[in-house]
Amino acid sequence: MIDVITWGKANVALGNIAVTLVLLTIGAVLLYLRPRWGRRWIVAVAMVYWIASAPFGSALLIAPLVHRFHSIDDPREAASAGAVVVLGGGIRAIKTRSDALFDPSDSSSLRTLEAARVFRLLDGRPLVIASGGHTSIGAASEGAVIAEGLEKLNVPPSRIVVEDQSLTTHEQAIIVTRLLKSRGINRFVLVTSPTHMARAAAVFRAQHADVIPSISALIPERSSRPPFFLPNEDSLQISDNAFYDYAGILYYWSKGWLRATPAEAGP
């Protein structure tokens, strides 16, 4: 089951060309067997892709996930926070022969930028936890790659703690919360992507952590923005992220990971 879930996380997305080909193949078969249903299928697929890849469509899709969260700008919002926790959002690897270079994905980069900004906003006082384990890409962990980015953004290495054992958001919540509680810290700023924050905040709170959400930018800044109705790659990626996190919330809910168990609940 875990292998199926892992495969689905990596491959089931509208932006994956294989998914597009499968959907079109289904339409072609229906056109041959049931022409009316085939035409309806193709029109429906075209509409889904247009809506998901246009700015107005992606904005509608993410609204329920992001409307409760913002990027903190007033240090008083996190005055008592003892740490800034930044969750990994993937890494990229470029390999040739026996060598490889590892870089953060756009999502991890945006989260790293936000964590460094919050660290400066809080006068360099809190610890910064770079959280994310080793992926199938190679030897580098998400946490280590994020830590490198934090150092480049002038966060002192002495203030950075790498957590490189977790493979899921649920594991991050357990491991990071325990790590911080061992240091006497229960209140901290949680940094992740806008579409991921609802699930991340809920699963950390299920571990009885007092989290202050601060979302990263949705996408990197561009020199120009496409019209609200025009399909583009950024909007399609945003929609894919939204679909992924809606599925993640349902899965986490089914596993009971979004709520504290009675035995673990605090007073």
C-alpha atoms as a PDB file:
ATOM      1  CA  MET A   1       0.000   0.000   0.000  1.00  0.00           C
ATOM      2  CA  ILE A   2       2.802   2.413   0.881  1.00  0.00           C
ATOM      3  CA  ASP A   3       4.466   1.771  -2.473  1.00  0.00           C
ATOM      4  CA  VAL A   4       1.220   2.562  -4.293  1.00  0.00           C
ATOM      5  CA  ILE A   5       0.801   5.784  -2.327  1.00  0.00           C
ATOM      6  CA  THR A   6       4.426   6.779  -2.964  1.00  0.00           C
ATOM      7  CA  TRP A   7       4.026   6.078  -6.674  1.00  0.00           C
ATOM      8  CA  GLY A   8       0.811   8.085  -6.800  1.00  0.00           C
ATOM      9  CA  LYS A   9       2.406  11.061  -5.015  1.00  0.00           C
ATOM     10  CA  ALA A  10       5.195  11.152  -7.580  1.00  0.00           C
ATOM     11  CA  ASN A  11       3.203  10.502 -10.748  1.00  0.00           C
ATOM     12  CA  VAL A  12      -0.508  11.339 -10.506  1.00  0.00           C
ATOM     13  CA  ALA A  13      -0.720  15.002 -11.514  1.00  0.00           C
ATOM     14  CA  LEU A  14      -2.338  16.919 -14.343  1.00  0.00           C
ATOM     15  CA  GLY A  15       1.077  18.289 -15.251  1.00  0.00           C
ATOM     16  CA  ASN A  16       2.417  14.774 -15.850  1.00  0.00           C
ATOM     17  CA  ILE A  17       2.373  14.041 -19.579  1.00  0.00           C
ATOM     18  CA  ALA A  18       1.627  10.369 -18.859  1.00  0.00           C
ATOM     19  CA  VAL A  19      -1.602  11.341 -17.087  1.00  0.00           C
ATOM     20  CA  THR A  20      -2.594  13.526 -20.036  1.00  0.00           C
ATOM     21  CA  LEU A  21      -1.954  10.671 -22.475  1.00  0.00           C
ATOM     22  CA  VAL A  22      -4.009   8.254 -20.386  1.00  0.00           C
ATOM     23  CA  LEU A  23      -6.945  10.664 -20.282  1.00  0.00           C
ATOM     24  CA  LEU A  24      -6.753  11.251 -24.035  1.00  0.00           C
ATOM     25  CA  THR A  25      -6.481   7.518 -24.708  1.00  0.00           C
ATOM     26  CA  ILE A  26      -9.644   6.926 -22.692  1.00  0.00           C
ATOM     27  CA  GLY A  27     -11.333   9.599 -24.805  1.00  0.00           C
ATOM     28  CA  ALA A  28     -10.160   7.974 -28.044  1.00  0.00           C
ATOM     29  CA  VAL A  29     -11.489   4.572 -26.949  1.00  0.00           C
ATOM     30  CA  LEU A  30     -14.818   6.098 -25.966  1.00  0.00           C
ATOM     31  CA  LEU A  31     -15.045   7.897 -29.306  1.00  0.00           C
ATOM     32  CA  TYR A  32     -14.720   4.528 -31.017  1.00  0.00           C
ATOM     33  CA  LEU A  33     -17.115   2.630 -28.738  1.00  0.00           C
ATOM     34  CA  ARG A  34     -19.534   5.364 -27.627  1.00  0.00           C
ATOM     35  CA  PRO A  35     -19.010   8.508 -29.752  1.00  0.00           C
ATOM     36  CA  ARG A  36     -21.368  10.688 -27.703  1.00  0.00           C
ATOM     37  CA  TRP A  37     -19.653   9.779 -24.416  1.00  0.00           C
ATOM     38  CA  GLY A  38     -16.279  10.115 -26.095  1.00  0.00           C
ATOM     39  CA  ARG A  39     -17.030  13.703 -27.117  1.00  0.00           C
ATOM     40  CA  ARG A  40     -18.286  14.510 -23.631  1.00  0.00           C
ATOM     41  CA  TRP A  41     -15.156  13.012 -22.091  1.00  0.00           C
ATOM     42  CA  ILE A  42     -12.792  15.017 -24.299  1.00  0.00           C
ATOM     43  CA  VAL A  43     -14.680  18.262 -23.683  1.00  0.00           C
ATOM     44  CA  ALA A  44     -14.654  17.588 -19.921  1.00  0.00           C
ATOM     45  CA  VAL A  45     -10.901  16.870 -19.930  1.00  0.00           C
ATOM     46  CA  ALA A  46     -10.236  20.042 -21.932  1.00  0.00           C
ATOM     47  CA  MET A  47     -12.332  22.087 -19.493  1.00  0.00           C
ATOM     48  CA  VAL A  48     -10.564  20.610 -16.451  1.00  0.00           C
ATOM     49  CA  TYR A  49      -7.144  21.407 -17.924  1.00  0.00           C
ATOM     50  CA  TRP A  50      -8.170  24.935 -18.902  1.00  0.00           C
ATOM     51  CA  ILE A  51      -9.614  25.730 -15.489  1.00  0.00           C
ATOM     52  CA  ALA A  52      -6.725  24.123 -13.599  1.00  0.00           C
ATOM     53  CA  SER A  53      -4.049  25.856 -15.682  1.00  0.00           C
ATOM     54  CA  ALA A  54      -5.587  29.345 -15.711  1.00  0.00           C
ATOM     55  CA  PRO A  55      -4.953  31.794 -12.850  1.00  0.00           C
ATOM     56  CA  PHE A  56      -8.658  32.179 -12.021  1.00  0.00           C
ATOM     57  CA  GLY A  57      -9.080  28.408 -11.784  1.00  0.00           C
ATOM     58  CA  SER A  58      -6.056  27.757  -9.586  1.00  0.00           C
ATOM     59  CA  ALA A  59      -7.075  30.651  -7.319  1.00  0.00           C
ATOM     60  CA  LEU A  60     -10.508  29.098  -6.823  1.00  0.00           C
ATOM     61  CA  LEU A  61      -9.013  25.675  -6.140  1.00  0.00           C
ATOM     62  CA  ILE A  62      -6.609  26.816  -3.441  1.00  0.00           C
ATOM     63  CA  ALA A  63      -8.941  29.301  -1.714  1.00  0.00           C
ATOM     64  CA  PRO A  64     -10.339  26.809   0.860  1.00  0.00           C
ATOM     65  CA  LEU A  65      -6.788  25.699   1.728  1.00  0.00           C
ATOM     66  CA  VAL A  66      -5.130  29.082   2.130  1.00  0.00           C
ATOM     67  CA  HIS A  67      -7.781  31.589   3.251  1.00  0.00           C
ATOM     68  CA  ARG A  68      -6.970  31.208   6.987  1.00  0.00           C
ATOM     69  CA  PHE A  69      -3.214  31.712   6.645  1.00  0.00           C
ATOM     70  CA  HIS A  70      -0.812  34.529   5.934  1.00  0.00           C
ATOM     71  CA  SER A  71       2.874  35.368   6.069  1.00  0.00           C
ATOM     72  CA  ILE A  72       3.578  37.035   9.400  1.00  0.00           C
ATOM     73  CA  ASP A  73       4.847  40.611   9.171  1.00  0.00           C
ATOM     74  CA  ASP A  74       4.561  41.772  12.769  1.00  0.00           C
ATOM     75  CA  PRO A  75       7.124  40.253  15.167  1.00  0.00           C
ATOM     76  CA  ARG A  76       4.538  40.494  17.933  1.00  0.00           C
ATOM     77  CA  GLU A  77       2.656  37.647  16.242  1.00  0.00           C
ATOM     78  CA  ALA A  78       5.547  35.334  17.142  1.00  0.00           C
ATOM     79  CA  ALA A  79       7.121  37.148  20.072  1.00  0.00           C
ATOM     80  CA  SER A  80       7.251  34.026  22.260  1.00  0.00           C
ATOM     81  CA  ALA A  81       8.276  31.574  19.543  1.00  0.00           C
ATOM     82  CA  GLY A  82      11.403  29.621  20.337  1.00  0.00           C
ATOM     83  CA  ALA A  83      12.007  28.290  16.836  1.00  0.00           C
ATOM     84  CA  VAL A  84      11.191  28.578  13.161  1.00  0.00           C
ATOM     85  CA  VAL A  85      10.413  25.208  11.575  1.00  0.00           C
ATOM     86  CA  VAL A  86      10.685  24.991   7.794  1.00  0.00           C
ATOM     87  CA  LEU A  87       9.353  21.847   6.112  1.00  0.00           C
ATOM     88  CA  GLY A  88      11.086  20.449   3.047  1.00  0.00           C
ATOM     89  CA  GLY A  89       9.232  20.590  -0.264  1.00  0.00           C
ATOM     90  CA  GLY A  90      11.473  18.436  -2.442  1.00  0.00           C
ATOM     91  CA  ILE A  91      14.944  18.539  -3.949  1.00  0.00           C
ATOM     92  CA  ARG A  92      16.316  18.229  -7.468  1.00  0.00           C
ATOM     93  CA  ALA A  93      19.358  16.236  -8.525  1.00  0.00           C
ATOM     94  CA  ILE A  94      21.521  16.579 -11.606  1.00  0.00           C
ATOM     95  CA  LYS A  95      23.598  13.448 -12.090  1.00  0.00           C
ATOM     96  CA  THR A  96      26.297  12.370 -14.491  1.00  0.00           C
ATOM     97  CA  ARG A  97      28.314   9.191 -14.065  1.00  0.00           C
ATOM     98  CA  SER A  98      29.185   8.971 -10.377  1.00  0.00           C
ATOM     99  CA  ASP A  99      28.661  12.647  -9.497  1.00  0.00           C
ATOM    100  CA  ALA A 100      25.552  14.545  -8.517  1.00  0.00           C
ATOM    101  CA  LEU A 101      24.546  18.061  -7.526  1.00  0.00           C
ATOM    102  CA  PHE A 102      21.509  18.637  -5.313  1.00  0.00           C
ATOM    103  CA  ASP A 103      19.375  21.770  -5.245  1.00  0.00           C
ATOM    104  CA  PRO A 104      16.105  22.649  -3.529  1.00  0.00           C
ATOM    105  CA  SER A 105      12.939  22.563  -5.590  1.00  0.00           C
ATOM    106  CA  ASP A 106      11.089  25.830  -6.152  1.00  0.00           C
ATOM    107  CA  SER A 107       8.802  24.928  -3.245  1.00  0.00           C
ATOM    108  CA  SER A 108      11.710  24.255  -0.869  1.00  0.00           C
ATOM    109  CA  SER A 109      13.473  27.421  -2.027  1.00  0.00           C
ATOM    110  CA  LEU A 110      10.420  29.576  -1.344  1.00  0.00           C
ATOM    111  CA  ARG A 111      10.003  27.998   2.084  1.00  0.00           C
ATOM    112  CA  THR A 112      13.683  28.595   2.856  1.00  0.00           C
ATOM    113  CA  LEU A 113      13.380  32.257   1.861  1.00  0.00           C
ATOM    114  CA  GLU A 114      10.368  32.660   4.138  1.00  0.00           C
ATOM    115  CA  ALA A 115      12.104  30.959   7.073  1.00  0.00           C
ATOM    116  CA  ALA A 116      15.132  33.236   6.715  1.00  0.00           C
ATOM    117  CA  ARG A 117      12.856  36.291   6.517  1.00  0.00           C
ATOM    118  CA  VAL A 118      10.997  35.281   9.685  1.00  0.00           C
ATOM    119  CA  PHE A 119      14.313  34.587  11.441  1.00  0.00           C
ATOM    120  CA  ARG A 120      15.432  38.159  10.667  1.00  0.00           C
ATOM    121  CA  LEU A 121      12.004  39.515  11.647  1.00  0.00           C
ATOM    122  CA  LEU A 122      12.506  37.941  15.070  1.00  0.00           C
ATOM    123  CA  ASP A 123      15.944  39.546  15.424  1.00  0.00           C
ATOM    124  CA  GLY A 124      17.861  36.310  14.850  1.00  0.00           C
ATOM    125  CA  ARG A 125      16.695  34.948  18.180  1.00  0.00           C
ATOM    126  CA  PRO A 126      15.009  31.583  17.443  1.00  0.00           C
ATOM    127  CA  LEU A 127      16.467  28.305  16.286  1.00  0.00           C
ATOM    128  CA  VAL A 128      15.682  27.351  12.689  1.00  0.00           C
ATOM    129  CA  ILE A 129      14.780  23.699  12.164  1.00  0.00           C
ATOM    130  CA  ALA A 130      15.390  22.490   8.605  1.00  0.00           C
ATOM    131  CA  SER A 131      13.170  19.422   8.357  1.00  0.00           C
ATOM    132  CA  GLY A 132      13.124  16.744   5.679  1.00  0.00           C
ATOM    133  CA  GLY A 133      14.661  13.322   5.254  1.00  0.00           C
ATOM    134  CA  HIS A 134      16.429  11.484   2.476  1.00  0.00           C
ATOM    135  CA  THR A 135      14.443  10.946  -0.712  1.00  0.00           C
ATOM    136  CA  SER A 136      14.835   8.427  -3.516  1.00  0.00           C
ATOM    137  CA  ILE A 137      16.847  11.010  -5.468  1.00  0.00           C
ATOM    138  CA  GLY A 138      20.118  10.396  -3.685  1.00  0.00           C
ATOM    139  CA  ALA A 139      22.280  10.857  -0.621  1.00  0.00           C
ATOM    140  CA  ALA A 140      21.316  14.440   0.215  1.00  0.00           C
ATOM    141  CA  SER A 141      18.419  15.053   2.606  1.00  0.00           C
ATOM    142  CA  GLU A 142      15.863  17.825   2.223  1.00  0.00           C
ATOM    143  CA  GLY A 143      16.877  19.164   5.627  1.00  0.00           C
ATOM    144  CA  ALA A 144      20.556  19.401   4.660  1.00  0.00           C
ATOM    145  CA  VAL A 145      19.775  21.137   1.361  1.00  0.00           C
ATOM    146  CA  ILE A 146      17.505  23.642   3.122  1.00  0.00           C
ATOM    147  CA  ALA A 147      20.188  24.271   5.749  1.00  0.00           C
ATOM    148  CA  GLU A 148      22.651  25.153   2.977  1.00  0.00           C
ATOM    149  CA  GLY A 149      20.141  27.638   1.614  1.00  0.00           C
ATOM    150  CA  LEU A 150      19.591  29.164   5.044  1.00  0.00           C
ATOM    151  CA  GLU A 151      23.317  29.700   5.464  1.00  0.00           C
ATOM    152  CA  LYS A 152      23.469  31.441   2.074  1.00  0.00           C
ATOM    153  CA  LEU A 153      20.716  33.731   3.371  1.00  0.00           C
ATOM    154  CA  ASN A 154      22.916  34.651   6.364  1.00  0.00           C
ATOM    155  CA  VAL A 155      21.284  32.482   9.005  1.00  0.00           C
ATOM    156  CA  PRO A 156      24.182  31.518  11.314  1.00  0.00           C
ATOM    157  CA  PRO A 157      24.990  27.776  11.277  1.00  0.00           C
ATOM    158  CA  SER A 158      24.886  27.845  15.080  1.00  0.00           C
ATOM    159  CA  ARG A 159      21.154  28.652  14.890  1.00  0.00           C
ATOM    160  CA  ILE A 160      20.312  25.889  12.388  1.00  0.00           C
ATOM    161  CA  VAL A 161      19.281  22.376  13.396  1.00  0.00           C
ATOM    162  CA  VAL A 162      18.860  19.754  10.655  1.00  0.00           C
ATOM    163  CA  GLU A 163      16.154  17.103  11.046  1.00  0.00           C
ATOM    164  CA  ASP A 164      16.806  14.502   8.337  1.00  0.00           C
ATOM    165  CA  GLN A 165      14.887  11.417   9.495  1.00  0.00           C
ATOM    166  CA  SER A 166      11.302  12.254   8.485  1.00  0.00           C
ATOM    167  CA  LEU A 167       9.793  11.168   5.176  1.00  0.00           C
ATOM    168  CA  THR A 168       6.255  12.558   5.544  1.00  0.00           C
ATOM    169  CA  THR A 169       4.524  15.542   7.112  1.00  0.00           C
ATOM    170  CA  HIS A 170       3.177  13.247   9.813  1.00  0.00           C
ATOM    171  CA  GLU A 171       6.688  12.074  10.689  1.00  0.00           C
ATOM    172  CA  GLN A 172       7.933  15.656  10.664  1.00  0.00           C
ATOM    173  CA  ALA A 173       5.268  16.609  13.188  1.00  0.00           C
ATOM    174  CA  ILE A 174       6.251  13.791  15.538  1.00  0.00           C
ATOM    175  CA  ILE A 175      10.029  14.111  15.235  1.00  0.00           C
ATOM    176  CA  VAL A 176      10.276  17.904  15.199  1.00  0.00           C
ATOM    177  CA  THR A 177       7.835  18.373  18.075  1.00  0.00           C
ATOM    178  CA  ARG A 178       9.769  15.896  20.215  1.00  0.00           C
ATOM    179  CA  LEU A 179      13.077  17.503  19.242  1.00  0.00           C
ATOM    180  CA  LEU A 180      11.876  20.945  20.251  1.00  0.00           C
ATOM    181  CA  LYS A 181      10.169  19.787  23.443  1.00  0.00           C
ATOM    182  CA  SER A 182      13.478  18.219  24.503  1.00  0.00           C
ATOM    183  CA  ARG A 183      14.877  21.755  24.248  1.00  0.00           C
ATOM    184  CA  GLY A 184      11.984  23.238  26.207  1.00  0.00           C
ATOM    185  CA  ILE A 185      10.279  24.703  23.110  1.00  0.00           C
ATOM    186  CA  ASN A 186       6.589  24.127  22.373  1.00  0.00           C
ATOM    187  CA  ARG A 187       5.660  27.354  20.556  1.00  0.00           C
ATOM    188  CA  PHE A 188       7.216  27.933  17.158  1.00  0.00           C
ATOM    189  CA  VAL A 189       6.651  29.417  13.716  1.00  0.00           C
ATOM    190  CA  LEU A 190       5.761  26.815  11.099  1.00  0.00           C
ATOM    191  CA  VAL A 191       6.816  27.617   7.533  1.00  0.00           C
ATOM    192  CA  THR A 192       5.571  25.751   4.494  1.00  0.00           C
ATOM    193  CA  SER A 193       3.775  26.329   1.200  1.00  0.00           C
ATOM    194  CA  PRO A 194       0.286  27.896   1.193  1.00  0.00           C
ATOM    195  CA  THR A 195      -1.510  24.780  -0.072  1.00  0.00           C
ATOM    196  CA  HIS A 196       0.347  22.563   2.420  1.00  0.00           C
ATOM    197  CA  MET A 197      -0.207  24.683   5.520  1.00  0.00           C
ATOM    198  CA  ALA A 198      -3.714  23.481   6.440  1.00  0.00           C
ATOM    199  CA  ARG A 199      -2.586  19.863   6.671  1.00  0.00           C
ATOM    200  CA  ALA A 200       0.796  20.680   8.211  1.00  0.00           C
ATOM    201  CA  ALA A 201      -0.614  22.935  10.938  1.00  0.00           C
ATOM    202  CA  ALA A 202      -3.309  20.389  11.796  1.00  0.00           C
ATOM    203  CA  VAL A 203      -0.917  17.468  12.101  1.00  0.00           C
ATOM    204  CA  PHE A 204       1.527  19.467  14.239  1.00  0.00           C
ATOM    205  CA  ARG A 205      -1.299  20.612  16.494  1.00  0.00           C
ATOM    206  CA  ALA A 206      -2.363  16.983  16.822  1.00  0.00           C
ATOM    207  CA  GLN A 207       1.032  16.527  18.491  1.00  0.00           C
ATOM    208  CA  HIS A 208       0.054  19.332  20.906  1.00  0.00           C
ATOM    209  CA  ALA A 209       2.486  21.813  19.383  1.00  0.00           C
ATOM    210  CA  ASP A 210       1.642  25.516  19.601  1.00  0.00           C
ATOM    211  CA  VAL A 211       2.312  26.536  15.992  1.00  0.00           C
ATOM    212  CA  ILE A 212       2.240  29.989  14.416  1.00  0.00           C
ATOM    213  CA  PRO A 213       1.717  29.479  10.669  1.00  0.00           C
ATOM    214  CA  SER A 214       3.638  31.645   8.216  1.00  0.00           C
ATOM    215  CA  ILE A 215       3.179  30.692   4.581  1.00  0.00           C
ATOM    216  CA  SER A 216       5.837  31.045   1.908  1.00  0.00           C
ATOM    217  CA  ALA A 217       5.200  32.679  -1.454  1.00  0.00           C
ATOM    218  CA  LEU A 218       2.972  30.650  -3.768  1.00  0.00           C
ATOM    219  CA  ILE A 219       5.294  30.875  -6.781  1.00  0.00           C
ATOM    220  CA  PRO A 220       8.571  32.656  -7.572  1.00  0.00           C
ATOM    221  CA  GLU A 221       8.254  36.269  -8.652  1.00  0.00           C
ATOM    222  CA  ARG A 222       7.939  36.725 -12.407  1.00  0.00           C
ATOM    223  CA  SER A 223       8.572  39.780 -14.551  1.00  0.00           C
ATOM    224  CA  SER A 224       4.987  39.613 -15.798  1.00  0.00           C
ATOM    225  CA  ARG A 225       1.777  37.800 -14.965  1.00  0.00           C
ATOM    226  CA  PRO A 226      -0.458  36.057 -17.518  1.00  0.00           C
ATOM    227  CA  PRO A 227      -4.096  37.167 -17.955  1.00  0.00           C
ATOM    228  CA  PHE A 228      -6.481  35.525 -15.485  1.00  0.00           C
ATOM    229  CA  PHE A 229      -8.014  33.296 -18.195  1.00  0.00           C
ATOM    230  CA  LEU A 230      -4.838  32.223 -20.018  1.00  0.00           C
ATOM    231  CA  PRO A 231      -3.419  28.757 -19.252  1.00  0.00           C
ATOM    232  CA  ASN A 232       0.152  28.717 -17.936  1.00  0.00           C
ATOM    233  CA  GLU A 233       2.579  26.339 -16.245  1.00  0.00           C
ATOM    234  CA  ASP A 234       2.612  28.085 -12.851  1.00  0.00           C
ATOM    235  CA  SER A 235      -1.168  27.885 -12.459  1.00  0.00           C
ATOM    236  CA  LEU A 236      -1.217  24.221 -13.437  1.00  0.00           C
ATOM    237  CA  GLN A 237       1.455  23.498 -10.808  1.00  0.00           C
ATOM    238  CA  ILE A 238      -0.545  25.382  -8.184  1.00  0.00           C
ATOM    239  CA  SER A 239      -3.644  23.356  -9.047  1.00  0.00           C
ATOM    240  CA  ASP A 240      -1.689  20.097  -8.883  1.00  0.00           C
ATOM    241  CA  ASN A 241      -0.423  21.121  -5.431  1.00  0.00           C
ATOM    242  CA  ALA A 242      -3.995  21.833  -4.347  1.00  0.00           C
ATOM    243  CA  PHE A 243      -5.279  18.467  -5.594  1.00  0.00           C
ATOM    244  CA  TYR A 244      -2.374  16.755  -3.853  1.00  0.00           C
ATOM    245  CA  ASP A 245      -3.103  18.424  -0.520  1.00  0.00           C
ATOM    246  CA  TYR A 246      -6.842  17.829  -0.697  1.00  0.00           C
ATOM    247  CA  ALA A 247      -6.025  14.145  -1.167  1.00  0.00           C
ATOM    248  CA  GLY A 248      -3.459  14.379   1.633  1.00  0.00           C
ATOM    249  CA  ILE A 249      -5.994  15.888   4.044  1.00  0.00           C
ATOM    250  CA  LEU A 250      -8.469  13.090   3.298  1.00  0.00           C
ATOM    251  CA  TYR A 251      -5.788  10.450   3.777  1.00  0.00           C
ATOM    252  CA  TYR A 252      -4.511  11.985   7.022  1.00  0.00           C
ATOM    253  CA  TRP A 253      -8.089  12.307   8.280  1.00  0.00           C
ATOM    254  CA  SER A 254      -8.742   8.629   7.526  1.00  0.00           C
ATOM    255  CA  LYS A 255      -5.606   7.688   9.485  1.00  0.00           C
ATOM    256  CA  GLY A 256      -6.606   9.877  12.437  1.00  0.00           C
ATOM    257  CA  TRP A 257      -3.437  11.972  12.180  1.00  0.00           C
ATOM    258  CA  LEU A 258      -5.227  15.329  12.210  1.00  0.00           C
ATOM    259  CA  ARG A 259      -6.552  14.971  15.733  1.00  0.00           C
ATOM    260  CA  ALA A 260      -4.950  14.131  19.059  1.00  0.00           C
ATOM    261  CA  THR A 261      -5.955  10.808  20.571  1.00  0.00           C
ATOM    262  CA  PRO A 262      -7.715  10.927  23.973  1.00  0.00           C
ATOM    263  CA  ALA A 263      -4.760   9.161  25.578  1.00  0.00           C
ATOM    264  CA  GLU A 264      -2.363  11.822  24.305  1.00  0.00           C
ATOM    265  CA  ALA A 265      -4.559  14.868  24.764  1.00  0.00           C
ATOM    266  CA  GLY A 266      -3.396  17.531  27.130  1.00  0.00           C
ATOM    267  CA  PRO A 267      -5.420  18.878  30.066  1.00  0.00           C
END
